[in-house]
Amino acid sequence: MVPAFAVWITGLPASGKSTIARALTREFSSRGIDVAVLESDALRAVLTPRATYTDEDRGVFYRAVAHIGTLLVNHGVPVIFDATANRRVYREHARSVIDRFVEVYVDCPLAVCVARDPKGLYRKAQSGDATHMPGLQATYEPPQHPDLIVSGDRDSTEDAARAIVRLLEERRYLQAPP
């Protein structure tokens, strides 16, 4: 059995992270691989139900998320992090505690993300109902050296998922099918 790994999919809110995570999950499922998806909104409801979205609050949250991912990977469960993690330090911490780790940056123009806005977060930020929106009121720090960059507005989600799988195969984190 090949040891487990972690894939952190980062990018601005509404860049396509969750859609790519779902496509990647389908790719793994077609190979008979069960994967845990650590989606930040779902985890935040449990870990920090009264989130303030300050840097301190986010730091505590993302350390907890990285810890959960580490436990899963150490127990043989592949992990997909579906999380903006707007500061590099959050993602770099995960990289430092998980040996078989790749960071995938979903590069998508802010204007495209704002136009998509499936959860209405950008509208809330623009009206003042949200005050810590990455890309608007809070800084989003793109990775300086991501393991892979996919386009959130030009690549299909299936192409992005296949590119991630190829990277995992190249690194020998995942075996190619016979």
Protein backbone atom coordinates (compact mmCIF):
# COMPACT_ATOMS: atom_id res chain seq x y z
CA MET A 1 0.00 0.00 0.00
CA VAL A 2 1.28 3.45 -0.94
CA PRO A 3 1.30 5.86 2.04
CA ALA A 4 -1.37 8.54 2.10
CA PHE A 5 -0.87 12.13 0.95
CA ALA A 6 -2.48 15.54 1.21
CA VAL A 7 -3.53 17.97 -1.51
CA TRP A 8 -4.26 21.56 -0.42
CA ILE A 9 -6.37 23.37 -3.00
CA THR A 10 -6.11 27.12 -2.41
CA GLY A 11 -7.31 30.20 -4.22
CA LEU A 12 -9.68 33.10 -3.76
CA PRO A 13 -13.24 32.36 -2.64
CA ALA A 14 -15.31 31.29 -5.68
CA SER A 15 -12.17 30.48 -7.71
CA GLY A 16 -13.31 26.89 -8.24
CA LYS A 17 -11.64 25.08 -5.32
CA SER A 18 -14.69 23.09 -4.23
CA THR A 19 -15.64 22.14 -7.77
CA ILE A 20 -12.10 20.91 -8.42
CA ALA A 21 -12.10 19.05 -5.08
CA ARG A 22 -15.30 17.24 -6.11
CA ALA A 23 -13.82 16.34 -9.52
CA LEU A 24 -10.64 15.11 -7.82
CA THR A 25 -12.72 13.03 -5.40
CA ARG A 26 -14.48 11.43 -8.40
CA GLU A 27 -11.07 10.66 -10.00
CA PHE A 28 -9.93 8.96 -6.79
CA SER A 29 -13.23 7.11 -6.42
CA SER A 30 -12.90 5.72 -9.95
CA ARG A 31 -9.61 4.18 -8.78
CA GLY A 32 -11.16 2.76 -5.62
CA ILE A 33 -9.48 5.35 -3.38
CA ASP A 34 -11.46 6.80 -0.49
CA VAL A 35 -10.37 10.31 0.38
CA ALA A 36 -11.27 12.71 3.17
CA VAL A 37 -12.20 16.19 2.01
CA LEU A 38 -11.53 18.83 4.67
CA GLU A 39 -13.71 21.69 3.52
CA SER A 40 -13.11 24.85 5.49
CA ASP A 41 -16.73 26.07 5.72
CA ALA A 42 -17.92 22.72 7.14
CA LEU A 43 -15.01 22.51 9.59
CA ARG A 44 -15.36 26.12 10.67
CA ALA A 45 -18.96 25.47 11.75
CA VAL A 46 -17.60 22.89 14.20
CA LEU A 47 -14.17 24.22 15.16
CA THR A 48 -14.89 27.95 15.36
CA PRO A 49 -18.68 28.37 15.25
CA ARG A 50 -18.41 32.04 16.21
CA ALA A 51 -15.55 32.83 13.88
CA THR A 52 -14.25 36.37 13.90
CA TYR A 53 -12.04 35.86 10.83
CA THR A 54 -9.20 37.82 12.41
CA ASP A 55 -5.67 36.68 11.63
CA GLU A 56 -5.50 35.16 15.13
CA ASP A 57 -8.80 33.30 14.68
CA ARG A 58 -7.76 32.07 11.25
CA GLY A 59 -4.36 30.97 12.58
CA VAL A 60 -5.97 28.82 15.28
CA PHE A 61 -8.45 27.42 12.77
CA TYR A 62 -5.90 26.50 10.10
CA ARG A 63 -3.54 24.93 12.64
CA ALA A 64 -6.44 22.74 13.77
CA VAL A 65 -7.29 21.87 10.16
CA ALA A 66 -3.66 20.96 9.45
CA HIS A 67 -3.60 18.81 12.59
CA ILE A 68 -6.72 16.92 11.48
CA GLY A 69 -5.17 16.40 8.05
CA THR A 70 -1.95 15.16 9.61
CA LEU A 71 -3.82 12.63 11.74
CA LEU A 72 -5.73 11.33 8.73
CA VAL A 73 -2.65 11.06 6.49
CA ASN A 74 -0.70 9.34 9.29
CA HIS A 75 -3.53 6.78 9.48
CA GLY A 76 -3.45 6.07 5.74
CA VAL A 77 -6.29 8.34 4.63
CA PRO A 78 -5.57 10.62 1.66
CA VAL A 79 -6.74 14.18 2.30
CA ILE A 80 -7.96 17.01 0.12
CA PHE A 81 -7.95 20.41 1.83
CA ASP A 82 -10.58 22.59 0.19
CA ALA A 83 -9.68 25.85 1.89
CA THR A 84 -8.71 29.38 0.91
CA ALA A 85 -6.18 29.74 3.76
CA ASN A 86 -5.54 33.33 2.75
CA ARG A 87 -2.07 33.54 4.35
CA ARG A 88 0.86 31.49 3.07
CA VAL A 89 1.90 30.70 6.63
CA TYR A 90 -1.25 28.59 7.11
CA ARG A 91 -0.49 26.41 4.10
CA GLU A 92 3.24 26.29 4.83
CA HIS A 93 2.48 25.01 8.32
CA ALA A 94 0.49 22.12 6.80
CA ARG A 95 3.38 21.41 4.41
CA SER A 96 5.79 21.33 7.36
CA VAL A 97 3.78 18.71 9.28
CA ILE A 98 2.62 16.49 6.38
CA ASP A 99 5.40 14.71 4.48
CA ARG A 100 3.54 13.86 1.29
CA PHE A 101 1.95 17.24 0.60
CA VAL A 102 1.14 19.18 -2.55
CA GLU A 103 -0.25 22.68 -2.84
CA VAL A 104 -2.47 23.44 -5.81
CA TYR A 105 -3.18 27.07 -6.59
CA VAL A 106 -6.43 27.82 -8.41
CA ASP A 107 -5.52 31.02 -10.22
CA CYS A 108 -8.67 32.95 -11.04
CA PRO A 109 -9.15 36.70 -11.55
CA LEU A 110 -10.93 38.45 -8.69
CA ALA A 111 -13.52 39.84 -11.13
CA VAL A 112 -14.49 36.29 -12.17
CA CYS A 113 -14.76 35.20 -8.51
CA VAL A 114 -16.92 38.22 -7.68
CA ALA A 115 -19.18 37.51 -10.68
CA ARG A 116 -19.61 33.86 -9.62
CA ASP A 117 -20.13 34.52 -5.89
CA PRO A 118 -22.22 31.35 -5.26
CA LYS A 119 -22.44 31.95 -1.49
CA GLY A 120 -23.02 35.71 -1.73
CA LEU A 121 -19.83 36.41 0.23
CA TYR A 122 -18.53 39.12 -2.06
CA ARG A 123 -21.94 40.85 -2.02
CA LYS A 124 -21.88 40.78 1.78
CA ALA A 125 -18.36 42.22 1.80
CA GLN A 126 -19.24 44.95 -0.68
CA SER A 127 -22.30 45.95 1.36
CA GLY A 128 -20.32 45.95 4.62
CA ASP A 129 -22.08 42.88 6.09
CA ALA A 130 -18.77 40.97 5.98
CA THR A 131 -15.50 42.64 6.89
CA HIS A 132 -12.74 40.05 6.40
CA MET A 133 -13.25 38.79 2.84
CA PRO A 134 -10.03 37.50 1.23
CA GLY A 135 -9.37 39.43 -1.94
CA LEU A 136 -11.34 42.47 -0.78
CA GLN A 137 -10.88 43.45 2.89
CA ALA A 138 -8.38 40.71 3.81
CA THR A 139 -5.20 39.94 1.93
CA TYR A 140 -4.97 36.74 -0.08
CA GLU A 141 -1.35 35.63 -0.48
CA PRO A 142 -1.00 33.35 -3.49
CA PRO A 143 1.57 30.60 -3.07
CA GLN A 144 5.08 31.65 -4.05
CA HIS A 145 6.03 28.14 -5.17
CA PRO A 146 2.90 26.03 -5.60
CA ASP A 147 3.36 22.46 -6.71
CA LEU A 148 0.75 23.04 -9.41
CA ILE A 149 -1.20 25.99 -10.81
CA VAL A 150 -4.55 25.44 -12.48
CA SER A 151 -6.78 28.09 -13.98
CA GLY A 152 -10.10 28.64 -12.28
CA ASP A 153 -11.58 30.33 -15.32
CA ARG A 154 -9.96 28.53 -18.27
CA ASP A 155 -9.28 24.90 -17.24
CA SER A 156 -12.17 22.49 -16.93
CA THR A 157 -12.54 21.03 -13.46
CA GLU A 158 -11.90 17.57 -14.92
CA ASP A 159 -8.66 18.76 -16.56
CA ALA A 160 -7.58 20.34 -13.28
CA ALA A 161 -8.33 17.11 -11.38
CA ARG A 162 -6.40 15.04 -13.93
CA ALA A 163 -3.43 17.42 -13.67
CA ILE A 164 -3.42 16.94 -9.90
CA VAL A 165 -3.55 13.16 -10.31
CA ARG A 166 -0.62 13.30 -12.79
CA LEU A 167 1.40 15.33 -10.28
CA LEU A 168 0.66 12.80 -7.54
CA GLU A 169 1.71 9.97 -9.87
CA GLU A 170 4.92 11.79 -10.86
CA ARG A 171 5.79 12.22 -7.19
CA ARG A 172 4.90 8.56 -6.57
CA TYR A 173 2.31 9.57 -3.99
CA LEU A 174 -0.25 7.74 -6.11
CA GLN A 175 0.22 4.69 -8.28
CA ALA A 176 -0.77 4.90 -11.90
CA PRO A 177 -3.43 2.33 -12.84
CA PRO A 178 -2.07 -0.83 -14.51
